[in-house]
Amino acid sequence: AERHQSKENVEVVLQLIDPLSLISSLEQRRDRLSELDLLKIDIDHSECLFLEPVFETVGLPKVIHAEINPIFPPDLEFIEHFQYPDQIIEGAEADRNRHSKPPYATGCSVGAFLAIMGSRYRLVQVEYEDALFVRSDLVHVFPESRRSPTVLWQLGYFCHPFARVGRDWLMQS
């Protein structure tokens, strides 16, 4: 985050946030956010629930790069129940709680993102736990957008080597 803070036209906000506080945060910056080129969402928690507040406050970004729960194929919609900041557990208890959750019970599936985005966006890339969505008026630039979400998910996650061994195995080596 620090390497981007000095860049012009880049705003890095490091704070505990929820979908409601995001609206007030965006409204404070509305004059600098006339048109977003890229929205990066990686909060490790219900990412898709942050889309509508962004759309309502500053419009439709050209590209959305988001962390996804890749376990669910695109025809299934999964959204983790959002835990508001006053419900968050601190310290060692939080670590135990986070690691006790099975991997399928976190984040949002590609299908949930697509349902919320509707016809406004197309999926163009899945890369393990990340997805790239492009605004519908710009998809003609991306030939990959002609592929179905299921094929993109199969190529980007289902056939990915880490899909079988998981990130935990990688971290142990």
Protein backbone atom coordinates (compact mmCIF):
# COMPACT_ATOMS: atom_id res chain seq x y z
CA ALA A 1 0.00 0.00 0.00
CA GLU A 2 2.81 2.45 0.83
CA ARG A 3 4.34 2.21 -2.64
CA HIS A 4 1.07 3.42 -4.19
CA GLN A 5 0.29 6.29 -1.79
CA SER A 6 2.63 8.73 -3.53
CA LYS A 7 1.17 8.08 -6.98
CA GLU A 8 -1.10 10.64 -8.58
CA ASN A 9 -4.70 9.48 -9.07
CA VAL A 10 -4.27 6.56 -6.66
CA GLU A 11 -6.06 6.57 -3.35
CA VAL A 12 -5.15 3.94 -0.77
CA VAL A 13 -7.49 3.74 2.19
CA LEU A 14 -6.45 1.50 5.05
CA GLN A 15 -9.29 1.23 7.53
CA LEU A 16 -11.75 -1.23 8.94
CA ILE A 17 -14.70 -0.97 6.61
CA ASP A 18 -18.14 -2.39 6.03
CA PRO A 19 -20.61 -1.81 3.19
CA LEU A 20 -22.30 1.09 5.03
CA SER A 21 -19.14 2.92 6.08
CA LEU A 22 -17.83 2.47 2.54
CA ILE A 23 -20.60 4.74 1.26
CA SER A 24 -19.59 7.63 3.54
CA SER A 25 -15.91 7.06 2.75
CA LEU A 26 -16.63 7.21 -1.00
CA GLU A 27 -18.88 10.25 -0.65
CA GLN A 28 -16.00 12.13 1.04
CA ARG A 29 -13.81 11.36 -1.98
CA ARG A 30 -16.47 11.71 -4.69
CA ASP A 31 -14.77 14.72 -6.34
CA ARG A 32 -11.61 12.66 -6.91
CA LEU A 33 -13.52 9.58 -8.04
CA SER A 34 -15.35 10.92 -11.08
CA GLU A 35 -14.65 7.75 -13.05
CA LEU A 36 -12.86 4.74 -11.61
CA ASP A 37 -10.66 2.80 -14.00
CA LEU A 38 -9.87 -0.03 -11.58
CA LEU A 39 -11.51 -1.18 -8.39
CA LYS A 40 -9.50 -3.77 -6.42
CA ILE A 41 -11.46 -5.61 -3.74
CA ASP A 42 -9.51 -7.91 -1.42
CA ILE A 43 -10.76 -7.76 2.14
CA ASP A 44 -10.95 -11.52 2.81
CA HIS A 45 -14.61 -11.16 3.73
CA SER A 46 -17.82 -10.90 1.66
CA GLU A 47 -16.21 -8.85 -1.13
CA CYS A 48 -19.25 -8.86 -3.42
CA LEU A 49 -21.34 -7.00 -0.84
CA PHE A 50 -19.19 -3.91 -1.47
CA LEU A 51 -20.17 -3.62 -5.15
CA GLU A 52 -23.58 -1.94 -4.88
CA PRO A 53 -22.32 0.82 -2.53
CA VAL A 54 -19.57 1.59 -5.06
CA PHE A 55 -21.97 1.51 -8.01
CA GLU A 56 -24.46 3.77 -6.21
CA THR A 57 -21.89 6.28 -4.98
CA VAL A 58 -19.31 6.67 -7.77
CA GLY A 59 -20.72 4.72 -10.72
CA LEU A 60 -19.38 1.71 -12.59
CA PRO A 61 -15.58 1.19 -12.61
CA LYS A 62 -14.17 0.05 -15.95
CA VAL A 63 -12.49 -3.00 -14.43
CA ILE A 64 -13.06 -4.84 -11.15
CA HIS A 65 -10.36 -7.14 -9.79
CA ALA A 66 -11.71 -9.10 -6.83
CA GLU A 67 -10.78 -11.95 -4.58
CA ILE A 68 -13.30 -14.77 -4.94
CA ASN A 69 -14.16 -18.03 -3.28
CA PRO A 70 -13.24 -20.30 -6.20
CA ILE A 71 -14.60 -23.52 -4.74
CA PHE A 72 -18.08 -22.84 -6.13
CA PRO A 73 -18.58 -22.95 -9.92
CA PRO A 74 -20.22 -19.88 -11.51
CA ASP A 75 -23.71 -21.38 -11.55
CA LEU A 76 -23.75 -21.41 -7.72
CA GLU A 77 -24.13 -18.21 -5.71
CA PHE A 78 -22.41 -18.16 -2.33
CA ILE A 79 -22.03 -15.08 -0.12
CA GLU A 80 -20.42 -15.26 3.31
CA HIS A 81 -22.52 -13.63 6.01
CA PHE A 82 -20.95 -10.22 6.65
CA GLN A 83 -19.57 -9.72 10.15
CA TYR A 84 -19.78 -6.06 11.17
CA PRO A 85 -16.83 -4.48 13.02
CA ASP A 86 -18.58 -4.59 16.42
CA GLN A 87 -18.87 -8.37 16.00
CA ILE A 88 -15.21 -8.89 15.18
CA ILE A 89 -13.12 -10.88 17.63
CA GLU A 90 -9.63 -9.55 18.37
CA GLY A 91 -6.24 -11.22 18.88
CA ALA A 92 -5.64 -14.92 19.36
CA GLU A 93 -9.37 -15.66 19.50
CA ALA A 94 -9.73 -14.08 16.05
CA ASP A 95 -6.96 -16.29 14.66
CA ARG A 96 -8.62 -19.42 16.07
CA ASN A 97 -11.99 -18.30 14.67
CA ARG A 98 -10.57 -17.51 11.20
CA HIS A 99 -8.74 -20.83 10.93
CA SER A 100 -11.72 -22.81 12.22
CA LYS A 101 -13.82 -21.71 9.22
CA PRO A 102 -13.75 -24.17 6.36
CA PRO A 103 -12.50 -22.62 3.09
CA TYR A 104 -15.89 -23.02 1.45
CA ALA A 105 -17.51 -20.72 4.05
CA THR A 106 -15.66 -17.51 3.18
CA GLY A 107 -15.93 -14.73 0.61
CA CYS A 108 -18.18 -14.69 -2.46
CA SER A 109 -18.38 -17.07 -5.38
CA VAL A 110 -17.99 -15.96 -8.98
CA GLY A 111 -21.71 -16.64 -9.35
CA ALA A 112 -22.53 -14.21 -6.52
CA PHE A 113 -20.43 -11.48 -8.18
CA LEU A 114 -22.11 -12.10 -11.52
CA ALA A 115 -25.59 -12.02 -9.95
CA ILE A 116 -24.90 -8.67 -8.27
CA MET A 117 -23.25 -7.21 -11.38
CA GLY A 118 -25.99 -8.38 -13.72
CA SER A 119 -25.50 -7.36 -17.34
CA ARG A 120 -23.25 -4.45 -16.32
CA TYR A 121 -20.08 -6.62 -16.31
CA ARG A 122 -18.59 -9.73 -17.88
CA LEU A 123 -16.11 -12.14 -16.36
CA VAL A 124 -12.91 -12.18 -18.44
CA GLN A 125 -10.39 -13.99 -16.21
CA VAL A 126 -10.18 -16.31 -13.20
CA GLU A 127 -6.77 -16.89 -11.68
CA TYR A 128 -7.06 -19.23 -8.71
CA GLU A 129 -8.64 -16.96 -6.03
CA ASP A 130 -8.99 -13.81 -8.12
CA ALA A 131 -11.36 -12.76 -10.87
CA LEU A 132 -11.32 -9.93 -13.38
CA PHE A 133 -14.60 -8.37 -14.49
CA VAL A 134 -14.88 -5.77 -17.26
CA ARG A 135 -17.70 -3.32 -17.80
CA SER A 136 -20.00 -4.50 -20.60
CA ASP A 137 -19.31 -1.55 -22.90
CA LEU A 138 -15.59 -2.46 -22.89
CA VAL A 139 -15.67 -6.25 -23.27
CA HIS A 140 -15.11 -6.08 -27.04
CA VAL A 141 -11.45 -5.35 -26.20
CA PHE A 142 -11.13 -8.70 -24.38
CA PRO A 143 -11.57 -11.77 -26.60
CA GLU A 144 -11.69 -13.92 -23.45
CA SER A 145 -15.06 -12.39 -22.63
CA ARG A 146 -16.63 -14.60 -25.31
CA ARG A 147 -15.91 -17.65 -23.15
CA SER A 148 -18.56 -18.70 -20.69
CA PRO A 149 -17.99 -18.04 -16.98
CA THR A 150 -17.87 -21.80 -16.42
CA VAL A 151 -15.05 -22.28 -18.94
CA LEU A 152 -13.10 -19.36 -17.44
CA TRP A 153 -13.58 -20.83 -13.95
CA GLN A 154 -12.48 -24.28 -15.15
CA LEU A 155 -9.34 -22.88 -16.78
CA GLY A 156 -8.47 -20.47 -13.97
CA TYR A 157 -9.32 -22.49 -10.88
CA PHE A 158 -10.59 -26.01 -11.43
CA CYS A 159 -7.57 -26.98 -13.56
CA HIS A 160 -5.13 -24.93 -11.45
CA PRO A 161 -2.57 -27.11 -9.60
CA PHE A 162 -3.17 -25.32 -6.27
CA ALA A 163 -6.86 -26.24 -6.44
CA ARG A 164 -5.87 -29.74 -5.30
CA VAL A 165 -3.20 -28.95 -2.72
CA GLY A 166 -4.35 -25.53 -1.52
CA ARG A 167 -2.50 -22.50 -0.32
CA ASP A 168 -1.65 -24.10 3.05
CA TRP A 169 0.64 -26.58 1.33
CA LEU A 170 2.40 -23.75 -0.49
CA MET A 171 2.94 -21.80 2.73
CA GLN A 172 4.48 -24.83 4.47
CA SER A 173 7.24 -25.26 1.85
